[in-house]
């Protein structure tokens, strides 16, 4: 009959000595598992690992529902790691988390765009890099390339990877048009 806190100690030894996990990972494992242990005690749930089931875990997930999605995912991953270990060591028959379908959706965050002043500062710096007047020097050509890339990014709204993958055939210098279709050729 393995008590949850004993299981934690055994799991930490495994993580430290056998898996050689970083101190930072172990710190978060400790925080997450102590929090889950406190939850079990507070709710009067069983503290024997073989008696912890998916209903207890569902209640814990409801308790975590107000936390940020990344934090919830980390806490669930910690519990999965512990219960996988306990299953592998034959302390439990099956990981109770395997019977749960957990979907934690993180909000899609848009990239922060530069404001007008930041854009102007960036352009001033790349144009200032062209100051070596010798057009045959590498520094001049490098600065020219950087200006073209930045101007293309601003003018087209293209991704960096799209600009990096541009082929010569995608450029029509007469009309000033860049075509995506020619990007594949």
N, C-alpha and C. Protein backbone atom coordinates (compact mmCIF):
# COMPACT_ATOMS: atom_id res chain seq x y z
N UNK A 1 0.84 -1.17 0.00
CA UNK A 1 0.00 0.00 0.00
C UNK A 1 0.89 1.24 0.00
N UNK A 2 1.03 1.84 -1.17
CA UNK A 2 1.90 3.00 -1.32
C UNK A 2 1.09 4.28 -1.16
N UNK A 3 1.50 5.11 -0.20
CA UNK A 3 0.86 6.40 0.05
C UNK A 3 1.38 7.40 -0.97
N UNK A 4 0.54 8.37 -1.34
CA UNK A 4 0.89 9.33 -2.39
C UNK A 4 2.22 10.04 -2.12
N UNK A 5 2.44 10.50 -0.89
CA UNK A 5 3.69 11.22 -0.58
C UNK A 5 4.90 10.31 -0.71
N UNK A 6 4.76 9.03 -0.39
CA UNK A 6 5.85 8.07 -0.57
C UNK A 6 6.11 7.88 -2.07
N UNK A 7 5.04 7.83 -2.83
CA UNK A 7 5.16 7.69 -4.28
C UNK A 7 5.88 8.90 -4.87
N UNK A 8 5.58 10.09 -4.34
CA UNK A 8 6.26 11.30 -4.80
C UNK A 8 7.76 11.20 -4.55
N UNK A 9 8.15 10.77 -3.37
CA UNK A 9 9.57 10.66 -3.02
C UNK A 9 10.26 9.67 -3.95
N UNK A 10 9.63 8.53 -4.18
CA UNK A 10 10.20 7.52 -5.07
C UNK A 10 10.32 8.07 -6.50
N UNK A 11 9.28 8.79 -6.93
CA UNK A 11 9.27 9.39 -8.27
C UNK A 11 10.38 10.45 -8.40
N UNK A 12 10.56 11.27 -7.37
CA UNK A 12 11.61 12.30 -7.41
C UNK A 12 12.99 11.66 -7.49
N UNK A 13 13.19 10.57 -6.73
CA UNK A 13 14.47 9.86 -6.82
C UNK A 13 14.70 9.35 -8.23
N UNK A 14 13.66 8.80 -8.83
CA UNK A 14 13.74 8.31 -10.20
C UNK A 14 14.10 9.45 -11.17
N UNK A 15 13.42 10.58 -11.00
CA UNK A 15 13.66 11.74 -11.89
C UNK A 15 15.07 12.30 -11.71
N UNK A 16 15.56 12.32 -10.48
CA UNK A 16 16.86 12.91 -10.19
C UNK A 16 17.99 11.97 -10.59
N UNK A 17 17.93 10.72 -10.15
CA UNK A 17 19.06 9.81 -10.32
C UNK A 17 19.03 9.02 -11.62
N UNK A 18 17.84 8.64 -12.07
CA UNK A 18 17.75 7.82 -13.27
C UNK A 18 17.51 8.64 -14.53
N UNK A 19 16.61 9.61 -14.46
CA UNK A 19 16.30 10.43 -15.64
C UNK A 19 17.20 11.66 -15.73
N UNK A 20 17.85 12.01 -14.62
CA UNK A 20 18.76 13.15 -14.59
C UNK A 20 18.09 14.44 -15.07
N UNK A 21 16.87 14.68 -14.58
CA UNK A 21 16.14 15.89 -14.96
C UNK A 21 16.76 17.12 -14.30
N UNK A 22 16.52 18.25 -14.91
CA UNK A 22 17.09 19.50 -14.41
C UNK A 22 16.44 19.90 -13.08
N UNK A 23 17.16 20.73 -12.35
CA UNK A 23 16.66 21.23 -11.07
C UNK A 23 15.36 22.01 -11.27
N UNK A 24 15.28 22.74 -12.38
CA UNK A 24 14.08 23.53 -12.66
C UNK A 24 12.86 22.62 -12.87
N UNK A 25 13.04 21.53 -13.63
CA UNK A 25 11.95 20.59 -13.85
C UNK A 25 11.52 19.97 -12.54
N UNK A 26 12.49 19.57 -11.73
CA UNK A 26 12.17 18.97 -10.44
C UNK A 26 11.45 19.95 -9.52
N UNK A 27 11.82 21.22 -9.61
CA UNK A 27 11.15 22.25 -8.81
C UNK A 27 9.67 22.31 -9.17
N UNK A 28 9.38 22.33 -10.49
CA UNK A 28 7.98 22.40 -10.91
C UNK A 28 7.23 21.11 -10.60
N UNK A 29 7.90 19.95 -10.75
CA UNK A 29 7.28 18.69 -10.36
C UNK A 29 6.91 18.73 -8.87
N UNK A 30 7.81 19.26 -8.05
CA UNK A 30 7.56 19.34 -6.61
C UNK A 30 6.35 20.22 -6.33
N UNK A 31 6.33 21.40 -6.93
CA UNK A 31 5.21 22.33 -6.73
C UNK A 31 3.90 21.66 -7.15
N UNK A 32 3.89 21.07 -8.34
CA UNK A 32 2.65 20.49 -8.89
C UNK A 32 2.16 19.32 -8.05
N UNK A 33 3.08 18.45 -7.63
CA UNK A 33 2.66 17.25 -6.90
C UNK A 33 2.29 17.58 -5.45
N UNK A 34 2.96 18.54 -4.84
CA UNK A 34 2.55 18.96 -3.50
C UNK A 34 1.17 19.60 -3.54
N UNK A 35 0.90 20.35 -4.61
CA UNK A 35 -0.42 20.96 -4.75
C UNK A 35 -1.49 19.89 -4.92
N UNK A 36 -1.21 18.88 -5.73
CA UNK A 36 -2.18 17.80 -5.93
C UNK A 36 -2.37 17.02 -4.63
N UNK A 37 -1.30 16.77 -3.90
CA UNK A 37 -1.38 16.06 -2.62
C UNK A 37 -2.24 16.85 -1.63
N UNK A 38 -2.03 18.16 -1.57
CA UNK A 38 -2.83 19.00 -0.67
C UNK A 38 -4.30 18.97 -1.08
N UNK A 39 -4.56 18.96 -2.39
CA UNK A 39 -5.93 18.88 -2.88
C UNK A 39 -6.58 17.57 -2.41
N UNK A 40 -5.87 16.46 -2.55
CA UNK A 40 -6.41 15.16 -2.13
C UNK A 40 -6.77 15.19 -0.64
N UNK A 41 -5.85 15.73 0.17
CA UNK A 41 -6.07 15.79 1.62
C UNK A 41 -7.25 16.69 1.96
N UNK A 42 -7.30 17.85 1.31
CA UNK A 42 -8.36 18.83 1.59
C UNK A 42 -9.74 18.27 1.24
N UNK A 43 -9.80 17.51 0.15
CA UNK A 43 -11.08 16.95 -0.29
C UNK A 43 -11.43 15.66 0.46
N UNK A 44 -10.50 15.13 1.22
CA UNK A 44 -10.74 13.87 1.92
C UNK A 44 -10.67 12.68 0.97
N UNK A 45 -9.98 12.85 -0.15
CA UNK A 45 -9.84 11.77 -1.13
C UNK A 45 -8.77 10.79 -0.65
N UNK A 46 -8.79 9.59 -1.22
CA UNK A 46 -7.80 8.59 -0.80
C UNK A 46 -6.37 9.06 -1.06
N UNK A 47 -5.48 8.68 -0.15
CA UNK A 47 -4.07 9.03 -0.29
C UNK A 47 -3.24 7.83 -0.73
N UNK A 48 -3.89 6.68 -0.88
CA UNK A 48 -3.22 5.48 -1.37
C UNK A 48 -3.28 5.54 -2.90
N UNK A 49 -2.14 5.38 -3.56
CA UNK A 49 -2.08 5.60 -5.01
C UNK A 49 -3.00 4.67 -5.80
N UNK A 50 -3.20 3.46 -5.32
CA UNK A 50 -4.08 2.53 -6.05
C UNK A 50 -5.54 2.94 -5.98
N UNK A 51 -5.88 3.82 -5.06
CA UNK A 51 -7.28 4.24 -4.90
C UNK A 51 -7.59 5.57 -5.59
N UNK A 52 -6.58 6.24 -6.11
CA UNK A 52 -6.80 7.50 -6.82
C UNK A 52 -7.28 7.14 -8.22
N UNK A 53 -8.46 7.66 -8.58
CA UNK A 53 -9.03 7.32 -9.89
C UNK A 53 -9.38 8.56 -10.68
N UNK A 54 -9.98 8.34 -11.83
CA UNK A 54 -10.25 9.46 -12.74
C UNK A 54 -11.27 10.44 -12.17
N UNK A 55 -12.14 10.02 -11.28
CA UNK A 55 -13.09 10.97 -10.70
C UNK A 55 -12.36 11.99 -9.82
N UNK A 56 -11.34 11.53 -9.10
CA UNK A 56 -10.55 12.45 -8.28
C UNK A 56 -9.79 13.43 -9.18
N UNK A 57 -9.27 12.89 -10.28
CA UNK A 57 -8.52 13.73 -11.22
C UNK A 57 -9.44 14.74 -11.92
N UNK A 58 -10.66 14.34 -12.23
CA UNK A 58 -11.62 15.27 -12.84
C UNK A 58 -11.92 16.42 -11.88
N UNK A 59 -12.10 16.08 -10.61
CA UNK A 59 -12.34 17.13 -9.62
C UNK A 59 -11.16 18.08 -9.52
N UNK A 60 -9.96 17.52 -9.60
CA UNK A 60 -8.76 18.35 -9.55
C UNK A 60 -8.69 19.27 -10.77
N UNK A 61 -9.04 18.76 -11.93
CA UNK A 61 -9.04 19.59 -13.14
C UNK A 61 -10.05 20.72 -13.03
N UNK A 62 -11.20 20.43 -12.43
CA UNK A 62 -12.19 21.50 -12.20
C UNK A 62 -11.60 22.56 -11.27
N UNK A 63 -10.86 22.12 -10.28
CA UNK A 63 -10.21 23.04 -9.34
C UNK A 63 -9.20 23.94 -10.06
N UNK A 64 -8.52 23.37 -11.07
CA UNK A 64 -7.51 24.12 -11.81
C UNK A 64 -8.09 25.00 -12.91
N UNK A 65 -9.36 24.89 -13.18
CA UNK A 65 -9.95 25.52 -14.36
C UNK A 65 -9.74 27.04 -14.43
N UNK A 66 -9.50 27.69 -13.32
CA UNK A 66 -9.27 29.14 -13.34
C UNK A 66 -7.84 29.53 -13.66
N UNK A 67 -6.95 28.56 -13.73
CA UNK A 67 -5.54 28.83 -14.00
C UNK A 67 -5.31 29.05 -15.49
N UNK A 68 -4.14 29.55 -15.83
CA UNK A 68 -3.79 29.75 -17.24
C UNK A 68 -3.61 28.38 -17.90
N UNK A 69 -4.00 28.28 -19.18
CA UNK A 69 -3.91 26.99 -19.88
C UNK A 69 -2.52 26.36 -19.84
N UNK A 70 -1.46 27.14 -19.99
CA UNK A 70 -0.10 26.57 -19.96
C UNK A 70 0.21 25.95 -18.61
N UNK A 71 -0.25 26.59 -17.54
CA UNK A 71 -0.02 26.07 -16.20
C UNK A 71 -0.79 24.77 -16.00
N UNK A 72 -2.03 24.74 -16.44
CA UNK A 72 -2.84 23.52 -16.33
C UNK A 72 -2.17 22.39 -17.10
N UNK A 73 -1.72 22.68 -18.31
CA UNK A 73 -1.04 21.65 -19.12
C UNK A 73 0.19 21.11 -18.40
N UNK A 74 0.96 21.99 -17.77
CA UNK A 74 2.15 21.55 -17.06
C UNK A 74 1.78 20.65 -15.89
N UNK A 75 0.75 21.05 -15.15
CA UNK A 75 0.33 20.27 -13.98
C UNK A 75 -0.19 18.90 -14.41
N UNK A 76 -0.92 18.84 -15.51
CA UNK A 76 -1.41 17.56 -16.03
C UNK A 76 -0.24 16.71 -16.50
N UNK A 77 0.72 17.32 -17.17
CA UNK A 77 1.90 16.58 -17.65
C UNK A 77 2.68 16.01 -16.46
N UNK A 78 2.78 16.76 -15.38
CA UNK A 78 3.46 16.27 -14.18
C UNK A 78 2.74 15.05 -13.63
N UNK A 79 1.41 15.14 -13.52
CA UNK A 79 0.64 13.99 -13.01
C UNK A 79 0.77 12.79 -13.95
N UNK A 80 0.75 13.03 -15.25
CA UNK A 80 0.92 11.92 -16.21
C UNK A 80 2.27 11.24 -16.01
N UNK A 81 3.31 12.05 -15.83
CA UNK A 81 4.65 11.49 -15.63
C UNK A 81 4.69 10.64 -14.36
N UNK A 82 4.09 11.14 -13.30
CA UNK A 82 4.07 10.39 -12.04
C UNK A 82 3.30 9.08 -12.20
N UNK A 83 2.10 9.16 -12.74
CA UNK A 83 1.28 7.96 -12.86
C UNK A 83 1.85 6.97 -13.88
N UNK A 84 2.50 7.45 -14.92
CA UNK A 84 3.18 6.55 -15.85
C UNK A 84 4.30 5.81 -15.13
N UNK A 85 5.04 6.53 -14.32
CA UNK A 85 6.10 5.91 -13.53
C UNK A 85 5.52 4.85 -12.59
N UNK A 86 4.45 5.20 -11.88
CA UNK A 86 3.83 4.26 -10.93
C UNK A 86 3.33 3.01 -11.65
N UNK A 87 2.79 3.20 -12.85
CA UNK A 87 2.33 2.05 -13.64
C UNK A 87 3.52 1.20 -14.08
N UNK A 88 4.57 1.84 -14.55
CA UNK A 88 5.76 1.12 -15.01
C UNK A 88 6.39 0.31 -13.88
N UNK A 89 6.36 0.87 -12.68
CA UNK A 89 6.94 0.19 -11.50
C UNK A 89 5.95 -0.77 -10.85
N UNK A 90 4.80 -0.97 -11.47
CA UNK A 90 3.76 -1.90 -10.99
C UNK A 90 3.17 -1.51 -9.64
N UNK A 91 3.17 -0.22 -9.31
CA UNK A 91 2.50 0.25 -8.11
C UNK A 91 0.99 0.41 -8.36
N UNK A 92 0.64 0.68 -9.62
CA UNK A 92 -0.77 0.77 -10.02
C UNK A 92 -0.95 -0.06 -11.29
N UNK A 93 -2.19 -0.47 -11.54
CA UNK A 93 -2.46 -1.29 -12.72
C UNK A 93 -2.43 -0.44 -13.99
N UNK A 94 -3.06 0.75 -13.92
CA UNK A 94 -3.11 1.62 -15.10
C UNK A 94 -3.11 3.07 -14.67
N UNK A 95 -2.54 3.90 -15.50
CA UNK A 95 -2.52 5.34 -15.26
C UNK A 95 -3.95 5.85 -15.38
N UNK A 96 -4.53 6.41 -14.31
CA UNK A 96 -5.93 6.87 -14.37
C UNK A 96 -6.13 8.04 -15.34
N UNK A 97 -5.07 8.76 -15.66
CA UNK A 97 -5.20 9.87 -16.61
C UNK A 97 -5.43 9.38 -18.03
N UNK A 98 -5.05 8.14 -18.30
CA UNK A 98 -5.23 7.59 -19.64
C UNK A 98 -6.71 7.46 -20.00
N UNK A 99 -7.54 7.39 -19.00
CA UNK A 99 -8.98 7.23 -19.22
C UNK A 99 -9.70 8.58 -19.34
N UNK A 100 -8.94 9.66 -19.27
CA UNK A 100 -9.53 11.00 -19.39
C UNK A 100 -9.15 11.61 -20.74
N UNK A 101 -10.10 12.29 -21.34
CA UNK A 101 -9.82 13.03 -22.57
C UNK A 101 -9.72 14.51 -22.17
N UNK A 102 -8.50 14.94 -22.08
CA UNK A 102 -8.25 16.29 -21.60
C UNK A 102 -7.83 17.16 -22.78
N UNK A 103 -8.62 18.20 -23.02
CA UNK A 103 -8.27 19.16 -24.06
C UNK A 103 -8.24 20.54 -23.42
N UNK A 104 -7.07 21.10 -23.40
CA UNK A 104 -6.88 22.42 -22.82
C UNK A 104 -6.50 23.34 -23.96
N UNK A 105 -7.41 24.21 -24.31
CA UNK A 105 -7.18 25.09 -25.46
C UNK A 105 -6.52 26.38 -24.99
N UNK A 106 -5.40 26.67 -25.64
CA UNK A 106 -4.71 27.93 -25.35
C UNK A 106 -5.20 28.98 -26.33
N UNK A 107 -5.41 30.20 -25.86
CA UNK A 107 -5.84 31.25 -26.78
C UNK A 107 -4.75 31.56 -27.79
N UNK A 108 -5.17 31.79 -29.02
CA UNK A 108 -4.20 32.16 -30.06
C UNK A 108 -3.81 33.62 -29.86
N UNK A 109 -2.54 33.83 -29.70
CA UNK A 109 -2.06 35.20 -29.49
C UNK A 109 -1.45 35.72 -30.78
N UNK A 110 -1.86 36.92 -31.16
CA UNK A 110 -1.29 37.54 -32.35
C UNK A 110 0.04 38.18 -32.01
N UNK A 111 0.92 38.13 -32.97
CA UNK A 111 2.21 38.79 -32.80
C UNK A 111 2.00 40.28 -32.65
N UNK A 112 2.83 40.91 -31.85
CA UNK A 112 2.73 42.35 -31.66
C UNK A 112 3.46 43.04 -32.80
N UNK A 113 2.77 43.93 -33.47
CA UNK A 113 3.36 44.66 -34.59
C UNK A 113 4.15 45.87 -34.08
N UNK A 114 5.12 46.29 -34.88
CA UNK A 114 5.86 47.49 -34.55
C UNK A 114 4.97 48.71 -34.74
N UNK A 115 5.15 49.70 -33.89
CA UNK A 115 4.42 50.94 -34.11
C UNK A 115 5.19 51.79 -35.14
N UNK A 116 4.65 52.93 -35.54
CA UNK A 116 5.26 53.75 -36.59
C UNK A 116 6.66 54.22 -36.20
N UNK A 117 6.85 54.62 -34.97
CA UNK A 117 8.16 55.11 -34.53
C UNK A 117 9.19 53.98 -34.56
N UNK A 118 8.80 52.79 -34.11
CA UNK A 118 9.72 51.65 -34.13
C UNK A 118 10.08 51.26 -35.57
N UNK A 119 9.08 51.33 -36.45
CA UNK A 119 9.32 51.02 -37.87
C UNK A 119 10.30 52.01 -38.48
N UNK A 120 10.09 53.29 -38.20
CA UNK A 120 11.00 54.33 -38.73
C UNK A 120 12.41 54.15 -38.19
N UNK A 121 12.53 53.86 -36.90
CA UNK A 121 13.86 53.65 -36.31
C UNK A 121 14.56 52.47 -36.97
N UNK A 122 13.84 51.41 -37.21
CA UNK A 122 14.43 50.23 -37.85
C UNK A 122 14.91 50.57 -39.26
N UNK A 123 14.07 51.23 -40.03
CA UNK A 123 14.46 51.61 -41.39
C UNK A 123 15.66 52.56 -41.39
N UNK A 124 15.70 53.52 -40.48
CA UNK A 124 16.84 54.44 -40.39
C UNK A 124 18.14 53.67 -40.13
N UNK A 125 18.07 52.69 -39.26
CA UNK A 125 19.27 51.91 -38.92
C UNK A 125 19.75 51.08 -40.10
N UNK A 126 18.83 50.45 -40.83
CA UNK A 126 19.30 49.63 -41.95
C UNK A 126 19.82 50.50 -43.09
N UNK A 127 19.20 51.66 -43.30
CA UNK A 127 19.72 52.56 -44.34
C UNK A 127 21.06 53.16 -43.92
N UNK A 128 21.25 53.42 -42.64
CA UNK A 128 22.52 53.97 -42.16
C UNK A 128 23.66 52.96 -42.36
N UNK A 129 23.33 51.68 -42.37
CA UNK A 129 24.35 50.64 -42.56
C UNK A 129 24.91 50.66 -43.97
N UNK A 130 24.24 51.37 -44.91
CA UNK A 130 24.72 51.44 -46.30
C UNK A 130 25.77 52.53 -46.48
N UNK A 131 26.10 53.22 -45.42
CA UNK A 131 27.02 54.35 -45.52
C UNK A 131 28.38 54.03 -46.14
N UNK A 132 28.94 52.84 -45.93
CA UNK A 132 30.20 52.59 -46.66
C UNK A 132 29.90 52.74 -48.16
N UNK A 133 30.40 53.79 -48.75
CA UNK A 133 30.02 54.16 -50.12
C UNK A 133 30.52 53.21 -51.19
N UNK A 134 31.52 52.43 -50.91
CA UNK A 134 32.07 51.52 -51.92
C UNK A 134 31.06 50.41 -52.20
N UNK A 135 30.42 50.51 -53.36
CA UNK A 135 29.35 49.58 -53.69
C UNK A 135 29.84 48.17 -53.99
N UNK A 136 31.13 47.98 -54.05
CA UNK A 136 31.68 46.65 -54.30
C UNK A 136 32.04 45.93 -53.00
N UNK A 137 31.98 46.64 -51.90
CA UNK A 137 32.31 46.02 -50.62
C UNK A 137 31.17 45.14 -50.13
N UNK A 138 31.53 44.09 -49.44
CA UNK A 138 30.54 43.14 -48.92
C UNK A 138 29.55 43.82 -47.98
N UNK A 139 30.02 44.72 -47.12
CA UNK A 139 29.16 45.38 -46.15
C UNK A 139 28.03 46.14 -46.83
N UNK A 140 28.33 46.77 -47.97
CA UNK A 140 27.33 47.51 -48.71
C UNK A 140 26.27 46.55 -49.27
N UNK A 141 26.73 45.45 -49.87
CA UNK A 141 25.80 44.48 -50.45
C UNK A 141 24.94 43.82 -49.36
N UNK A 142 25.55 43.58 -48.23
CA UNK A 142 24.82 42.99 -47.11
C UNK A 142 23.73 43.96 -46.62
N UNK A 143 24.09 45.22 -46.48
CA UNK A 143 23.13 46.24 -46.05
C UNK A 143 22.01 46.39 -47.07
N UNK A 144 22.36 46.35 -48.36
CA UNK A 144 21.35 46.44 -49.41
C UNK A 144 20.37 45.27 -49.33
N UNK A 145 20.91 44.07 -49.13
CA UNK A 145 20.05 42.89 -48.99
C UNK A 145 19.11 43.06 -47.80
N UNK A 146 19.63 43.53 -46.67
CA UNK A 146 18.81 43.69 -45.47
C UNK A 146 17.69 44.71 -45.70
N UNK A 147 18.01 45.79 -46.41
CA UNK A 147 17.00 46.81 -46.71
C UNK A 147 15.90 46.21 -47.58
N UNK A 148 16.29 45.46 -48.60
CA UNK A 148 15.30 44.85 -49.49
C UNK A 148 14.39 43.91 -48.70
N UNK A 149 14.97 43.10 -47.84
CA UNK A 149 14.17 42.15 -47.05
C UNK A 149 13.19 42.90 -46.16
N UNK A 150 13.68 43.90 -45.44
CA UNK A 150 12.81 44.65 -44.52
C UNK A 150 11.73 45.41 -45.27
N UNK A 151 12.10 46.05 -46.38
CA UNK A 151 11.11 46.77 -47.18
C UNK A 151 10.05 45.79 -47.71
N UNK A 152 10.48 44.61 -48.16
CA UNK A 152 9.53 43.60 -48.64
C UNK A 152 8.60 43.14 -47.52
N UNK A 153 9.14 42.94 -46.35
CA UNK A 153 8.31 42.53 -45.22
C UNK A 153 7.25 43.59 -44.93
N UNK A 154 7.67 44.85 -44.88
CA UNK A 154 6.72 45.94 -44.61
C UNK A 154 5.71 46.09 -45.74
N UNK A 155 6.17 46.04 -46.97
CA UNK A 155 5.29 46.33 -48.11
C UNK A 155 4.30 45.21 -48.40
N UNK A 156 4.71 43.97 -48.15
CA UNK A 156 3.85 42.85 -48.55
C UNK A 156 3.12 42.19 -47.40
N UNK A 157 3.63 42.32 -46.19
CA UNK A 157 3.03 41.61 -45.07
C UNK A 157 3.37 40.12 -45.10
N UNK A 158 4.35 39.76 -45.91
CA UNK A 158 4.74 38.36 -46.03
C UNK A 158 5.47 37.91 -44.77
N UNK A 159 5.52 36.61 -44.58
CA UNK A 159 6.29 36.04 -43.48
C UNK A 159 7.77 36.04 -43.85
N UNK A 160 8.61 35.98 -42.82
CA UNK A 160 10.06 35.93 -43.06
C UNK A 160 10.40 34.71 -43.92
N UNK A 161 9.78 33.57 -43.61
CA UNK A 161 10.07 32.35 -44.37
C UNK A 161 9.66 32.50 -45.84
N UNK A 162 8.58 33.24 -46.10
CA UNK A 162 8.16 33.45 -47.48
C UNK A 162 9.16 34.32 -48.24
N UNK A 163 9.67 35.34 -47.57
CA UNK A 163 10.67 36.20 -48.22
C UNK A 163 11.96 35.40 -48.44
N UNK A 164 12.34 34.60 -47.45
CA UNK A 164 13.57 33.81 -47.56
C UNK A 164 13.47 32.78 -48.69
N UNK A 165 12.27 32.30 -48.97
CA UNK A 165 12.08 31.28 -50.01
C UNK A 165 11.78 31.86 -51.40
N UNK A 166 11.76 33.18 -51.51
CA UNK A 166 11.47 33.79 -52.81
C UNK A 166 12.50 33.38 -53.86
N UNK A 167 12.01 33.10 -55.04
CA UNK A 167 12.88 32.78 -56.18
C UNK A 167 12.92 34.00 -57.09
N UNK A 168 13.95 34.10 -57.88
CA UNK A 168 14.11 35.22 -58.81
C UNK A 168 12.91 35.33 -59.74
N UNK A 169 12.33 34.18 -60.08
CA UNK A 169 11.18 34.18 -61.00
C UNK A 169 9.92 34.79 -60.37
N UNK A 170 9.93 34.98 -59.05
CA UNK A 170 8.77 35.56 -58.38
C UNK A 170 8.80 37.09 -58.45
N UNK A 171 9.89 37.66 -58.93
CA UNK A 171 10.04 39.11 -58.97
C UNK A 171 9.89 39.63 -60.40
N UNK A 172 9.04 40.63 -60.55
CA UNK A 172 8.93 41.35 -61.82
C UNK A 172 9.41 42.77 -61.54
N UNK A 173 10.66 43.04 -61.85
CA UNK A 173 11.25 44.33 -61.52
C UNK A 173 10.66 45.47 -62.33
N UNK A 174 10.14 45.19 -63.53
CA UNK A 174 9.52 46.24 -64.35
C UNK A 174 8.25 46.77 -63.71
N UNK A 175 7.38 45.86 -63.26
CA UNK A 175 6.11 46.29 -62.69
C UNK A 175 6.17 46.47 -61.17
N UNK A 176 7.24 45.94 -60.54
CA UNK A 176 7.35 46.04 -59.08
C UNK A 176 6.45 45.04 -58.36
N UNK A 177 6.12 43.95 -59.04
CA UNK A 177 5.21 42.96 -58.47
C UNK A 177 5.99 41.73 -58.01
N UNK A 178 5.62 41.24 -56.83
CA UNK A 178 6.16 39.98 -56.32
C UNK A 178 5.00 39.00 -56.33
N UNK A 179 5.22 37.86 -56.97
CA UNK A 179 4.13 36.86 -57.05
C UNK A 179 4.46 35.66 -56.20
N UNK A 180 3.46 35.16 -55.53
CA UNK A 180 3.64 33.99 -54.69
C UNK A 180 3.69 32.73 -55.55
N UNK A 181 2.92 32.71 -56.64
CA UNK A 181 2.84 31.52 -57.49
C UNK A 181 4.21 31.11 -58.01
N UNK A 182 5.04 32.07 -58.34
CA UNK A 182 6.36 31.76 -58.87
C UNK A 182 7.29 31.27 -57.77
N UNK A 183 6.84 31.39 -56.52
CA UNK A 183 7.63 30.98 -55.36
C UNK A 183 7.96 29.50 -55.42
N UNK A 184 7.11 28.69 -56.04
CA UNK A 184 7.33 27.25 -56.09
C UNK A 184 8.37 26.85 -57.12
N UNK A 185 8.68 27.72 -58.06
CA UNK A 185 9.56 27.34 -59.14
C UNK A 185 10.90 27.69 -58.90
